Amino acid sequence: MVNTPLNSALEAAFVRWEQEGPSGDEAHRERLKKLADAVDEQLRERGTVDLVFVCTHNSRRSHMTQLLALAAAQRLGLGSVRTFSGGTEATDFNPRAIAALSRLGFDLSSGEGKNPHVTVRFSPAAEPVEAFSKRYTEPPNPEKDFVVVMTCSQADGSCPFVVGALSRVAIPYEDPKVADGTPEEAARYDERANQIGRDMAWVFRQARQPRE
């Protein structure tokens, strides 16, 4: 395994997140452990794992988890982990979520239009990622043999069965959208991005541990 060095700002964030540990109560941490176990199982059995993070609009939480999970995995040398995101419907990659990820250290450059394609970089040694809003069934998301992670309770409830998924984990996060247009907007988005970062740092550290 070859670790991919992150840029300095993101590396500092991951060091801090590893010191803090995962967020949430016991039930939330059990869901994180289920994801870590699913990643570990697929890496051992197949040598690779595709993760598809789903929320309702593929606008905020699913993009945050997709990108933070990818950075967490590559930082630990898990280059065979691929991450994707989608929604039960498509809207756009919300500019407030883009701004929160930028404040963490991601380099994001946006295209034009109602649903622009955003180029995302997190390491000088990694290929950039193209991020845009899409349904979870649409390309470039895989059609089969993936682990689906439901990042909001609404999407989890509206999709009782996801075709092609090897396994399913529900890790709902509060939508930072509730603070849109308020003085707390940036703080709420930063809070959610940091919470997801803590969790993804822990998940992939656990998945990387040697098992008996």
N, C-alpha and C. Protein backbone atom coordinates (compact mmCIF):
# COMPACT_ATOMS: atom_id res chain seq x y z
N MET A 1 0.85 -1.19 0.00
CA MET A 1 0.00 0.00 0.00
C MET A 1 0.88 1.24 0.00
N VAL A 2 0.55 2.17 -0.90
CA VAL A 2 1.30 3.42 -1.00
C VAL A 2 0.39 4.55 -0.57
N ASN A 3 0.78 5.23 0.49
CA ASN A 3 -0.02 6.33 0.99
C ASN A 3 0.06 7.52 0.03
N THR A 4 -1.07 8.16 -0.20
CA THR A 4 -1.11 9.36 -1.03
C THR A 4 -1.04 10.58 -0.13
N PRO A 5 0.00 11.40 -0.26
CA PRO A 5 0.10 12.58 0.60
C PRO A 5 -0.96 13.61 0.25
N LEU A 6 -1.67 14.10 1.25
CA LEU A 6 -2.64 15.15 1.05
C LEU A 6 -1.95 16.50 1.08
N ASN A 7 -2.65 17.54 0.64
CA ASN A 7 -2.08 18.87 0.81
C ASN A 7 -2.01 19.19 2.31
N SER A 8 -1.25 20.18 2.66
CA SER A 8 -0.92 20.41 4.08
C SER A 8 -2.15 20.74 4.92
N ALA A 9 -3.09 21.50 4.38
CA ALA A 9 -4.27 21.86 5.16
C ALA A 9 -5.13 20.64 5.46
N LEU A 10 -5.35 19.80 4.45
CA LEU A 10 -6.15 18.60 4.68
C LEU A 10 -5.44 17.61 5.59
N GLU A 11 -4.13 17.48 5.45
CA GLU A 11 -3.39 16.58 6.33
C GLU A 11 -3.52 17.02 7.78
N ALA A 12 -3.43 18.32 8.02
CA ALA A 12 -3.58 18.83 9.38
C ALA A 12 -4.98 18.52 9.91
N ALA A 13 -5.99 18.63 9.05
CA ALA A 13 -7.35 18.32 9.47
C ALA A 13 -7.49 16.85 9.83
N PHE A 14 -6.92 15.97 9.02
CA PHE A 14 -7.03 14.54 9.31
C PHE A 14 -6.28 14.15 10.58
N VAL A 15 -5.16 14.77 10.83
CA VAL A 15 -4.44 14.51 12.08
C VAL A 15 -5.32 14.91 13.26
N ARG A 16 -5.96 16.04 13.15
CA ARG A 16 -6.85 16.51 14.23
C ARG A 16 -8.04 15.57 14.39
N TRP A 17 -8.63 15.15 13.28
CA TRP A 17 -9.79 14.26 13.35
C TRP A 17 -9.44 12.91 13.95
N GLU A 18 -8.27 12.40 13.64
CA GLU A 18 -7.86 11.12 14.23
C GLU A 18 -7.67 11.25 15.73
N GLN A 19 -7.20 12.39 16.18
CA GLN A 19 -7.05 12.61 17.62
C GLN A 19 -8.41 12.72 18.31
N GLU A 20 -9.39 13.30 17.62
CA GLU A 20 -10.72 13.48 18.20
C GLU A 20 -11.53 12.19 18.20
N GLY A 21 -11.31 11.33 17.23
CA GLY A 21 -12.08 10.11 17.12
C GLY A 21 -13.43 10.35 16.46
N PRO A 22 -14.20 9.28 16.26
CA PRO A 22 -15.47 9.41 15.55
C PRO A 22 -16.49 10.20 16.35
N SER A 23 -17.46 10.74 15.64
CA SER A 23 -18.49 11.56 16.29
C SER A 23 -19.64 10.68 16.76
N GLY A 24 -20.57 11.31 17.47
CA GLY A 24 -21.85 10.69 17.74
C GLY A 24 -21.93 9.79 18.94
N ASP A 25 -23.13 9.22 19.11
CA ASP A 25 -23.39 8.33 20.23
C ASP A 25 -23.05 6.89 19.86
N GLU A 26 -23.37 5.97 20.75
CA GLU A 26 -23.01 4.57 20.53
C GLU A 26 -23.67 4.01 19.27
N ALA A 27 -24.92 4.38 19.02
CA ALA A 27 -25.63 3.88 17.84
C ALA A 27 -24.96 4.38 16.56
N HIS A 28 -24.56 5.64 16.55
CA HIS A 28 -23.89 6.21 15.38
C HIS A 28 -22.55 5.50 15.15
N ARG A 29 -21.83 5.26 16.20
CA ARG A 29 -20.53 4.60 16.05
C ARG A 29 -20.67 3.15 15.62
N GLU A 30 -21.75 2.51 16.01
CA GLU A 30 -22.00 1.15 15.52
C GLU A 30 -22.24 1.16 14.02
N ARG A 31 -22.91 2.19 13.51
CA ARG A 31 -23.11 2.29 12.07
C ARG A 31 -21.78 2.52 11.35
N LEU A 32 -20.91 3.34 11.96
CA LEU A 32 -19.59 3.55 11.37
C LEU A 32 -18.80 2.25 11.35
N LYS A 33 -18.90 1.48 12.42
CA LYS A 33 -18.19 0.19 12.47
C LYS A 33 -18.72 -0.75 11.40
N LYS A 34 -20.01 -0.71 11.15
CA LYS A 34 -20.59 -1.55 10.10
C LYS A 34 -19.99 -1.18 8.74
N LEU A 35 -19.81 0.12 8.49
CA LEU A 35 -19.20 0.54 7.24
C LEU A 35 -17.75 0.10 7.17
N ALA A 36 -16.99 0.28 8.25
CA ALA A 36 -15.59 -0.16 8.27
C ALA A 36 -15.48 -1.65 8.01
N ASP A 37 -16.39 -2.44 8.60
CA ASP A 37 -16.37 -3.89 8.38
C ASP A 37 -16.71 -4.23 6.93
N ALA A 38 -17.64 -3.50 6.33
CA ALA A 38 -18.01 -3.75 4.94
C ALA A 38 -16.84 -3.43 4.01
N VAL A 39 -16.15 -2.33 4.28
CA VAL A 39 -14.97 -1.98 3.47
C VAL A 39 -13.90 -3.05 3.62
N ASP A 40 -13.63 -3.45 4.85
CA ASP A 40 -12.61 -4.47 5.12
C ASP A 40 -12.95 -5.78 4.42
N GLU A 41 -14.21 -6.19 4.50
CA GLU A 41 -14.64 -7.45 3.89
C GLU A 41 -14.43 -7.43 2.38
N GLN A 42 -14.84 -6.34 1.74
CA GLN A 42 -14.70 -6.26 0.28
C GLN A 42 -13.24 -6.20 -0.15
N LEU A 43 -12.42 -5.50 0.61
CA LEU A 43 -11.00 -5.44 0.27
C LEU A 43 -10.35 -6.80 0.39
N ARG A 44 -10.76 -7.57 1.40
CA ARG A 44 -10.18 -8.90 1.59
C ARG A 44 -10.69 -9.90 0.55
N GLU A 45 -11.96 -9.81 0.23
CA GLU A 45 -12.55 -10.80 -0.67
C GLU A 45 -12.33 -10.46 -2.15
N ARG A 46 -12.38 -9.17 -2.48
CA ARG A 46 -12.36 -8.76 -3.87
C ARG A 46 -11.11 -7.95 -4.25
N GLY A 47 -10.43 -7.41 -3.22
CA GLY A 47 -9.26 -6.60 -3.48
C GLY A 47 -9.57 -5.16 -3.81
N THR A 48 -10.85 -4.84 -3.89
CA THR A 48 -11.29 -3.48 -4.20
C THR A 48 -12.67 -3.28 -3.61
N VAL A 49 -13.08 -2.03 -3.46
CA VAL A 49 -14.43 -1.74 -2.98
C VAL A 49 -14.91 -0.43 -3.60
N ASP A 50 -16.15 -0.44 -4.07
CA ASP A 50 -16.82 0.76 -4.55
C ASP A 50 -17.84 1.19 -3.52
N LEU A 51 -17.79 2.44 -3.12
CA LEU A 51 -18.73 3.00 -2.15
C LEU A 51 -19.57 4.07 -2.84
N VAL A 52 -20.88 3.96 -2.72
CA VAL A 52 -21.79 4.96 -3.28
C VAL A 52 -22.53 5.63 -2.13
N PHE A 53 -22.28 6.92 -1.95
CA PHE A 53 -22.91 7.69 -0.87
C PHE A 53 -24.15 8.39 -1.43
N VAL A 54 -25.28 8.21 -0.75
CA VAL A 54 -26.56 8.68 -1.28
C VAL A 54 -27.25 9.59 -0.28
N CYS A 55 -27.71 10.75 -0.78
CA CYS A 55 -28.66 11.57 -0.04
C CYS A 55 -29.75 11.98 -1.03
N THR A 56 -30.72 12.76 -0.61
CA THR A 56 -31.88 13.02 -1.46
C THR A 56 -31.52 13.74 -2.75
N HIS A 57 -30.76 14.84 -2.65
CA HIS A 57 -30.53 15.70 -3.82
C HIS A 57 -29.11 15.61 -4.38
N ASN A 58 -28.25 14.78 -3.80
CA ASN A 58 -26.84 14.74 -4.20
C ASN A 58 -26.30 16.15 -4.31
N SER A 59 -26.46 16.88 -3.22
CA SER A 59 -26.11 18.29 -3.22
C SER A 59 -25.13 18.67 -2.11
N ARG A 60 -25.26 18.05 -0.95
CA ARG A 60 -24.46 18.44 0.19
C ARG A 60 -23.77 17.23 0.85
N ARG A 61 -24.54 16.48 1.66
CA ARG A 61 -23.93 15.44 2.49
C ARG A 61 -23.30 14.32 1.69
N SER A 62 -23.92 13.90 0.60
CA SER A 62 -23.36 12.80 -0.18
C SER A 62 -22.05 13.19 -0.85
N HIS A 63 -21.95 14.45 -1.30
CA HIS A 63 -20.69 14.90 -1.87
C HIS A 63 -19.61 15.01 -0.79
N MET A 64 -19.98 15.55 0.37
CA MET A 64 -19.01 15.68 1.46
C MET A 64 -18.45 14.31 1.85
N THR A 65 -19.33 13.33 2.00
CA THR A 65 -18.85 12.01 2.41
C THR A 65 -18.04 11.35 1.30
N GLN A 66 -18.48 11.48 0.06
CA GLN A 66 -17.73 10.90 -1.05
C GLN A 66 -16.29 11.42 -1.07
N LEU A 67 -16.12 12.73 -0.98
CA LEU A 67 -14.79 13.32 -1.14
C LEU A 67 -13.93 13.12 0.10
N LEU A 68 -14.53 13.23 1.28
CA LEU A 68 -13.75 13.01 2.50
C LEU A 68 -13.38 11.55 2.66
N ALA A 69 -14.27 10.64 2.24
CA ALA A 69 -13.93 9.21 2.28
C ALA A 69 -12.79 8.90 1.33
N LEU A 70 -12.82 9.48 0.14
CA LEU A 70 -11.75 9.22 -0.83
C LEU A 70 -10.41 9.72 -0.31
N ALA A 71 -10.40 10.93 0.25
CA ALA A 71 -9.15 11.47 0.80
C ALA A 71 -8.66 10.62 1.96
N ALA A 72 -9.58 10.17 2.83
CA ALA A 72 -9.20 9.34 3.98
C ALA A 72 -8.60 8.02 3.52
N ALA A 73 -9.21 7.40 2.51
CA ALA A 73 -8.73 6.10 2.03
C ALA A 73 -7.36 6.23 1.36
N GLN A 74 -7.22 7.21 0.48
CA GLN A 74 -5.96 7.35 -0.24
C GLN A 74 -4.83 7.77 0.69
N ARG A 75 -5.16 8.55 1.68
CA ARG A 75 -4.14 8.97 2.67
C ARG A 75 -3.54 7.76 3.36
N LEU A 76 -4.33 6.69 3.54
CA LEU A 76 -3.87 5.50 4.24
C LEU A 76 -3.42 4.40 3.28
N GLY A 77 -3.29 4.74 2.00
CA GLY A 77 -2.79 3.77 1.04
C GLY A 77 -3.83 2.81 0.52
N LEU A 78 -5.10 3.12 0.72
CA LEU A 78 -6.18 2.26 0.24
C LEU A 78 -6.63 2.74 -1.14
N GLY A 79 -5.73 2.66 -2.10
CA GLY A 79 -6.02 3.15 -3.44
C GLY A 79 -7.05 2.33 -4.19
N SER A 80 -7.36 1.14 -3.69
CA SER A 80 -8.37 0.30 -4.34
C SER A 80 -9.78 0.63 -3.87
N VAL A 81 -9.92 1.67 -3.04
CA VAL A 81 -11.23 2.17 -2.64
C VAL A 81 -11.65 3.25 -3.63
N ARG A 82 -12.81 3.08 -4.23
CA ARG A 82 -13.37 4.11 -5.11
C ARG A 82 -14.65 4.64 -4.49
N THR A 83 -14.87 5.94 -4.59
CA THR A 83 -16.05 6.54 -3.98
C THR A 83 -16.88 7.27 -5.04
N PHE A 84 -18.19 7.21 -4.85
CA PHE A 84 -19.15 7.84 -5.75
C PHE A 84 -20.26 8.46 -4.91
N SER A 85 -21.11 9.25 -5.54
CA SER A 85 -22.26 9.78 -4.83
C SER A 85 -23.42 9.96 -5.79
N GLY A 86 -24.62 10.00 -5.23
CA GLY A 86 -25.82 10.20 -6.03
C GLY A 86 -26.98 10.54 -5.14
N GLY A 87 -28.10 10.89 -5.76
CA GLY A 87 -29.30 11.23 -5.03
C GLY A 87 -30.49 10.45 -5.54
N THR A 88 -31.60 10.55 -4.83
CA THR A 88 -32.85 10.03 -5.37
C THR A 88 -33.36 10.95 -6.46
N GLU A 89 -32.83 12.17 -6.51
CA GLU A 89 -33.03 13.09 -7.61
C GLU A 89 -31.77 13.95 -7.74
N ALA A 90 -31.62 14.61 -8.87
CA ALA A 90 -30.43 15.43 -9.12
C ALA A 90 -30.78 16.91 -9.04
N THR A 91 -29.88 17.70 -8.43
CA THR A 91 -30.06 19.15 -8.37
C THR A 91 -28.76 19.82 -8.79
N ASP A 92 -27.89 20.09 -7.81
CA ASP A 92 -26.55 20.59 -8.10
C ASP A 92 -25.68 20.36 -6.87
N PHE A 93 -24.37 20.46 -7.06
CA PHE A 93 -23.42 20.42 -5.94
C PHE A 93 -23.49 21.79 -5.31
N ASN A 94 -24.10 21.87 -4.14
CA ASN A 94 -24.44 23.16 -3.55
C ASN A 94 -23.21 24.01 -3.28
N PRO A 95 -23.23 25.29 -3.67
CA PRO A 95 -22.07 26.17 -3.47
C PRO A 95 -21.65 26.30 -2.00
N ARG A 96 -22.59 26.16 -1.07
CA ARG A 96 -22.24 26.27 0.35
C ARG A 96 -21.41 25.05 0.79
N ALA A 97 -21.76 23.88 0.26
CA ALA A 97 -20.96 22.68 0.56
C ALA A 97 -19.58 22.79 -0.09
N ILE A 98 -19.54 23.32 -1.30
CA ILE A 98 -18.26 23.54 -1.98
C ILE A 98 -17.38 24.47 -1.15
N ALA A 99 -17.98 25.54 -0.62
CA ALA A 99 -17.21 26.50 0.18
C ALA A 99 -16.68 25.86 1.45
N ALA A 100 -17.50 24.99 2.10
CA ALA A 100 -17.05 24.33 3.33
C ALA A 100 -15.88 23.40 3.06
N LEU A 101 -15.94 22.66 1.96
CA LEU A 101 -14.83 21.77 1.60
C LEU A 101 -13.59 22.57 1.24
N SER A 102 -13.79 23.71 0.61
CA SER A 102 -12.64 24.59 0.29
C SER A 102 -11.97 25.07 1.56
N ARG A 103 -12.76 25.39 2.57
CA ARG A 103 -12.18 25.87 3.83
C ARG A 103 -11.36 24.77 4.52
N LEU A 104 -11.67 23.52 4.25
CA LEU A 104 -10.89 22.42 4.82
C LEU A 104 -9.57 22.20 4.09
N GLY A 105 -9.50 22.64 2.82
CA GLY A 105 -8.27 22.46 2.07
C GLY A 105 -8.45 21.83 0.70
N PHE A 106 -9.66 21.38 0.37
CA PHE A 106 -9.91 20.89 -0.98
C PHE A 106 -9.80 22.05 -1.97
N ASP A 107 -9.29 21.74 -3.15
CA ASP A 107 -9.22 22.72 -4.24
C ASP A 107 -10.32 22.38 -5.23
N LEU A 108 -11.34 23.22 -5.30
CA LEU A 108 -12.50 22.96 -6.16
C LEU A 108 -12.67 24.09 -7.16
N SER A 109 -12.79 23.74 -8.42
CA SER A 109 -13.04 24.73 -9.46
C SER A 109 -14.29 24.32 -10.21
N SER A 110 -15.23 25.25 -10.35
CA SER A 110 -16.55 24.92 -10.86
C SER A 110 -16.72 25.32 -12.31
N GLY A 111 -17.53 24.53 -13.01
CA GLY A 111 -17.94 24.87 -14.36
C GLY A 111 -19.15 25.79 -14.33
N GLU A 112 -19.90 25.80 -15.43
CA GLU A 112 -21.04 26.69 -15.55
C GLU A 112 -22.33 25.90 -15.69
N GLY A 113 -23.44 26.60 -15.57
CA GLY A 113 -24.74 25.98 -15.75
C GLY A 113 -25.45 25.68 -14.45
N LYS A 114 -26.66 25.11 -14.57
CA LYS A 114 -27.48 24.82 -13.40
C LYS A 114 -26.92 23.67 -12.57
N ASN A 115 -26.23 22.75 -13.22
CA ASN A 115 -25.63 21.62 -12.51
C ASN A 115 -24.18 21.50 -12.98
N PRO A 116 -23.32 22.41 -12.55
CA PRO A 116 -21.95 22.43 -13.07
C PRO A 116 -21.13 21.23 -12.60
N HIS A 117 -20.20 20.82 -13.44
CA HIS A 117 -19.24 19.80 -13.07
C HIS A 117 -18.07 20.48 -12.36
N VAL A 118 -17.77 20.01 -11.17
CA VAL A 118 -16.76 20.62 -10.31
C VAL A 118 -15.52 19.74 -10.29
N THR A 119 -14.37 20.32 -10.58
CA THR A 119 -13.11 19.59 -10.51
C THR A 119 -12.55 19.71 -9.10
N VAL A 120 -12.28 18.58 -8.47
CA VAL A 120 -11.85 18.55 -7.06
C VAL A 120 -10.46 17.94 -6.96
N ARG A 121 -9.57 18.65 -6.27
CA ARG A 121 -8.22 18.14 -6.01
C ARG A 121 -7.95 18.18 -4.51
N PHE A 122 -7.31 17.13 -4.01
CA PHE A 122 -6.97 17.08 -2.59
C PHE A 122 -5.52 16.67 -2.35
N SER A 123 -4.82 16.31 -3.43
CA SER A 123 -3.44 15.87 -3.31
C SER A 123 -2.72 16.13 -4.62
N PRO A 124 -1.47 16.58 -4.56
CA PRO A 124 -0.70 16.74 -5.80
C PRO A 124 -0.37 15.41 -6.45
N ALA A 125 -0.54 14.30 -5.70
CA ALA A 125 -0.20 12.98 -6.22
C ALA A 125 -1.41 12.19 -6.69
N ALA A 126 -2.60 12.77 -6.62
CA ALA A 126 -3.83 12.05 -7.00
C ALA A 126 -4.51 12.73 -8.18
N GLU A 127 -5.18 11.93 -8.98
CA GLU A 127 -5.94 12.48 -10.09
C GLU A 127 -7.12 13.29 -9.55
N PRO A 128 -7.46 14.40 -10.21
CA PRO A 128 -8.63 15.16 -9.76
C PRO A 128 -9.92 14.37 -9.94
N VAL A 129 -10.92 14.74 -9.17
CA VAL A 129 -12.23 14.09 -9.20
C VAL A 129 -13.23 15.05 -9.82
N GLU A 130 -14.11 14.52 -10.66
CA GLU A 130 -15.19 15.34 -11.21
C GLU A 130 -16.45 15.10 -10.40
N ALA A 131 -17.00 16.15 -9.82
CA ALA A 131 -18.17 16.03 -8.97
C ALA A 131 -19.32 16.85 -9.55
N PHE A 132 -20.49 16.23 -9.59
CA PHE A 132 -21.70 16.91 -10.04
C PHE A 132 -22.89 16.12 -9.54
N SER A 133 -24.05 16.75 -9.53
CA SER A 133 -25.24 16.09 -9.00
C SER A 133 -25.82 15.12 -10.02
N LYS A 134 -26.23 13.96 -9.52
CA LYS A 134 -26.78 12.92 -10.38
C LYS A 134 -27.62 11.97 -9.53
N ARG A 135 -28.50 11.21 -10.17
CA ARG A 135 -29.20 10.15 -9.45
C ARG A 135 -28.22 9.02 -9.17
N TYR A 136 -28.46 8.27 -8.12
CA TYR A 136 -27.50 7.22 -7.74
C TYR A 136 -27.44 6.10 -8.76
N THR A 137 -28.43 6.04 -9.66
CA THR A 137 -28.45 5.02 -10.70
C THR A 137 -27.74 5.46 -11.97
N GLU A 138 -27.25 6.69 -12.03
CA GLU A 138 -26.68 7.24 -13.25
C GLU A 138 -25.16 7.17 -13.25
N PRO A 139 -24.55 7.10 -14.45
CA PRO A 139 -23.09 7.10 -14.56
C PRO A 139 -22.53 8.41 -13.99
N PRO A 140 -21.30 8.35 -13.45
CA PRO A 140 -20.36 7.22 -13.48
C PRO A 140 -20.52 6.24 -12.33
N ASN A 141 -21.62 6.31 -11.61
CA ASN A 141 -21.83 5.39 -10.49
C ASN A 141 -21.92 3.94 -10.99
N PRO A 142 -21.35 3.01 -10.23
CA PRO A 142 -21.40 1.60 -10.65
C PRO A 142 -22.81 1.05 -10.63
N GLU A 143 -23.06 0.05 -11.48
CA GLU A 143 -24.37 -0.57 -11.57
C GLU A 143 -24.53 -1.74 -10.61
N LYS A 144 -23.42 -2.34 -10.17
CA LYS A 144 -23.52 -3.51 -9.31
C LYS A 144 -22.26 -3.64 -8.48
N ASP A 145 -22.33 -4.51 -7.48
CA ASP A 145 -21.18 -4.87 -6.64
C ASP A 145 -20.58 -3.69 -5.90
N PHE A 146 -21.44 -2.88 -5.29
CA PHE A 146 -20.98 -1.73 -4.52
C PHE A 146 -21.61 -1.76 -3.13
N VAL A 147 -21.01 -1.03 -2.23
CA VAL A 147 -21.58 -0.79 -0.90
C VAL A 147 -22.28 0.56 -0.94
N VAL A 148 -23.55 0.60 -0.61
CA VAL A 148 -24.29 1.85 -0.63
C VAL A 148 -24.39 2.39 0.80
N VAL A 149 -24.11 3.68 0.93
CA VAL A 149 -24.13 4.35 2.24
C VAL A 149 -25.17 5.46 2.18
N MET A 150 -26.24 5.32 2.94
CA MET A 150 -27.32 6.30 2.94
C MET A 150 -26.99 7.38 3.97
N THR A 151 -26.77 8.60 3.48
CA THR A 151 -26.31 9.68 4.37
C THR A 151 -27.43 10.58 4.86
N CYS A 152 -28.67 10.28 4.48
CA CYS A 152 -29.79 11.03 5.05
C CYS A 152 -30.97 10.08 5.25
N SER A 153 -31.75 10.34 6.27
CA SER A 153 -32.84 9.44 6.63
C SER A 153 -33.94 9.46 5.58
N GLN A 154 -34.13 10.59 4.90
CA GLN A 154 -35.17 10.67 3.88
C GLN A 154 -34.85 9.73 2.72
N ALA A 155 -33.61 9.79 2.23
CA ALA A 155 -33.21 8.89 1.14
C ALA A 155 -33.25 7.44 1.60
N ASP A 156 -32.86 7.19 2.84
CA ASP A 156 -32.88 5.83 3.36
C ASP A 156 -34.29 5.28 3.38
N GLY A 157 -35.25 6.12 3.77
CA GLY A 157 -36.63 5.68 3.83
C GLY A 157 -37.27 5.51 2.47
N SER A 158 -36.87 6.33 1.50
CA SER A 158 -37.50 6.28 0.17
C SER A 158 -36.87 5.22 -0.73
N CYS A 159 -35.74 4.64 -0.30
CA CYS A 159 -35.07 3.60 -1.10
C CYS A 159 -34.90 2.35 -0.25
N PRO A 160 -35.98 1.61 -0.02
CA PRO A 160 -35.85 0.41 0.82
C PRO A 160 -34.96 -0.66 0.20
N PHE A 161 -34.76 -0.59 -1.13
CA PHE A 161 -33.91 -1.57 -1.79
C PHE A 161 -33.13 -0.87 -2.90
N VAL A 162 -31.82 -1.06 -2.92
CA VAL A 162 -30.97 -0.47 -3.94
C VAL A 162 -30.42 -1.58 -4.82
N VAL A 163 -30.83 -1.60 -6.07
CA VAL A 163 -30.43 -2.65 -7.00
C VAL A 163 -28.91 -2.62 -7.21
N GLY A 164 -28.28 -3.77 -7.12
CA GLY A 164 -26.86 -3.90 -7.39
C GLY A 164 -25.96 -3.78 -6.18
N ALA A 165 -26.51 -3.39 -5.04
CA ALA A 165 -25.68 -3.20 -3.85
C ALA A 165 -25.33 -4.53 -3.20
N LEU A 166 -24.06 -4.68 -2.85
CA LEU A 166 -23.62 -5.86 -2.10
C LEU A 166 -24.06 -5.76 -0.65
N SER A 167 -24.01 -4.56 -0.10
CA SER A 167 -24.44 -4.32 1.27
C SER A 167 -24.85 -2.87 1.40
N ARG A 168 -25.50 -2.57 2.50
CA ARG A 168 -26.09 -1.24 2.71
C ARG A 168 -25.85 -0.81 4.14
N VAL A 169 -25.44 0.45 4.30
CA VAL A 169 -25.23 1.02 5.62
C VAL A 169 -25.92 2.38 5.66
N ALA A 170 -26.65 2.64 6.71
CA ALA A 170 -27.29 3.95 6.90
C ALA A 170 -26.49 4.74 7.92
N ILE A 171 -25.91 5.86 7.47
CA ILE A 171 -25.20 6.78 8.37
C ILE A 171 -25.77 8.17 8.14
N PRO A 172 -26.93 8.46 8.73
CA PRO A 172 -27.56 9.75 8.47
C PRO A 172 -26.86 10.90 9.19
N TYR A 173 -26.77 12.02 8.47
CA TYR A 173 -26.23 13.26 9.03
C TYR A 173 -27.28 14.35 8.92
N GLU A 174 -27.29 15.25 9.90
CA GLU A 174 -28.21 16.38 9.83
C GLU A 174 -27.85 17.25 8.63
N ASP A 175 -28.87 17.69 7.90
CA ASP A 175 -28.65 18.49 6.70
C ASP A 175 -28.28 19.92 7.09
N PRO A 176 -27.10 20.41 6.67
CA PRO A 176 -26.74 21.79 6.99
C PRO A 176 -27.63 22.80 6.30
N LYS A 177 -28.45 22.33 5.37
CA LYS A 177 -29.38 23.22 4.66
C LYS A 177 -30.29 23.99 5.62
N VAL A 178 -30.52 23.44 6.81
CA VAL A 178 -31.41 24.09 7.76
C VAL A 178 -30.92 25.48 8.15
N ALA A 179 -29.62 25.75 7.95
CA ALA A 179 -29.06 27.05 8.31
C ALA A 179 -28.89 27.98 7.11
N ASP A 180 -29.31 27.56 5.93
CA ASP A 180 -29.14 28.40 4.75
C ASP A 180 -29.80 29.76 4.95
N GLY A 181 -29.06 30.81 4.59
CA GLY A 181 -29.60 32.15 4.68
C GLY A 181 -29.61 32.76 6.07
N THR A 182 -28.97 32.08 7.04
CA THR A 182 -28.91 32.59 8.41
C THR A 182 -27.46 32.94 8.76
N PRO A 183 -27.26 33.68 9.85
CA PRO A 183 -25.88 33.99 10.27
C PRO A 183 -25.07 32.75 10.64
N GLU A 184 -25.75 31.62 10.89
CA GLU A 184 -25.07 30.38 11.28
C GLU A 184 -24.70 29.50 10.09
N GLU A 185 -24.97 29.98 8.89
CA GLU A 185 -24.82 29.13 7.71
C GLU A 185 -23.43 28.51 7.58
N ALA A 186 -22.40 29.34 7.53
CA ALA A 186 -21.04 28.81 7.34
C ALA A 186 -20.63 27.90 8.49
N ALA A 187 -20.98 28.29 9.71
CA ALA A 187 -20.61 27.47 10.87
C ALA A 187 -21.28 26.11 10.82
N ARG A 188 -22.53 26.06 10.37
CA ARG A 188 -23.24 24.78 10.32
C ARG A 188 -22.64 23.87 9.24
N TYR A 189 -22.29 24.44 8.11
CA TYR A 189 -21.65 23.64 7.06
C TYR A 189 -20.27 23.15 7.50
N ASP A 190 -19.52 24.01 8.17
CA ASP A 190 -18.20 23.59 8.67
C ASP A 190 -18.35 22.49 9.72
N GLU A 191 -19.35 22.62 10.56
CA GLU A 191 -19.60 21.60 11.58
C GLU A 191 -19.88 20.24 10.93
N ARG A 192 -20.71 20.24 9.87
CA ARG A 192 -21.03 18.98 9.24
C ARG A 192 -19.82 18.40 8.51
N ALA A 193 -19.07 19.24 7.82
CA ALA A 193 -17.89 18.75 7.11
C ALA A 193 -16.87 18.16 8.08
N ASN A 194 -16.68 18.80 9.21
CA ASN A 194 -15.73 18.29 10.20
C ASN A 194 -16.24 17.01 10.85
N GLN A 195 -17.54 16.91 11.08
CA GLN A 195 -18.09 15.67 11.64
C GLN A 195 -17.87 14.51 10.68
N ILE A 196 -18.16 14.73 9.41
CA ILE A 196 -17.98 13.67 8.42
C ILE A 196 -16.50 13.32 8.29
N GLY A 197 -15.63 14.33 8.34
CA GLY A 197 -14.19 14.07 8.28
C GLY A 197 -13.72 13.20 9.43
N ARG A 198 -14.18 13.49 10.64
CA ARG A 198 -13.84 12.66 11.80
C ARG A 198 -14.25 11.22 11.58
N ASP A 199 -15.47 11.06 11.09
CA ASP A 199 -16.01 9.71 10.91
C ASP A 199 -15.27 8.94 9.82
N MET A 200 -15.00 9.59 8.70
CA MET A 200 -14.32 8.89 7.61
C MET A 200 -12.87 8.58 7.98
N ALA A 201 -12.22 9.46 8.72
CA ALA A 201 -10.86 9.18 9.19
C ALA A 201 -10.86 7.91 10.04
N TRP A 202 -11.86 7.77 10.90
CA TRP A 202 -11.93 6.59 11.78
C TRP A 202 -12.28 5.33 10.98
N VAL A 203 -13.26 5.43 10.09
CA VAL A 203 -13.71 4.27 9.31
C VAL A 203 -12.55 3.63 8.55
N PHE A 204 -11.76 4.44 7.86
CA PHE A 204 -10.72 3.86 7.02
C PHE A 204 -9.49 3.46 7.83
N ARG A 205 -9.27 4.09 8.96
CA ARG A 205 -8.22 3.60 9.86
C ARG A 205 -8.59 2.22 10.38
N GLN A 206 -9.85 2.01 10.72
CA GLN A 206 -10.31 0.71 11.18
C GLN A 206 -10.21 -0.34 10.08
N ALA A 207 -10.63 0.03 8.87
CA ALA A 207 -10.61 -0.91 7.76
C ALA A 207 -9.19 -1.32 7.38
N ARG A 208 -8.23 -0.49 7.69
CA ARG A 208 -6.84 -0.75 7.33
C ARG A 208 -6.13 -1.62 8.35
N GLN A 209 -6.73 -1.79 9.53
CA GLN A 209 -6.07 -2.55 10.60
C GLN A 209 -5.97 -4.03 10.23
N PRO A 210 -4.85 -4.68 10.57
CA PRO A 210 -4.75 -6.13 10.36
C PRO A 210 -5.82 -6.85 11.19
N ARG A 211 -6.43 -7.88 10.61
CA ARG A 211 -7.44 -8.66 11.31
C ARG A 211 -6.95 -10.09 11.51
N GLU A 212 -7.40 -10.70 12.58
CA GLU A 212 -7.06 -12.10 12.83
C GLU A 212 -7.69 -12.99 11.76
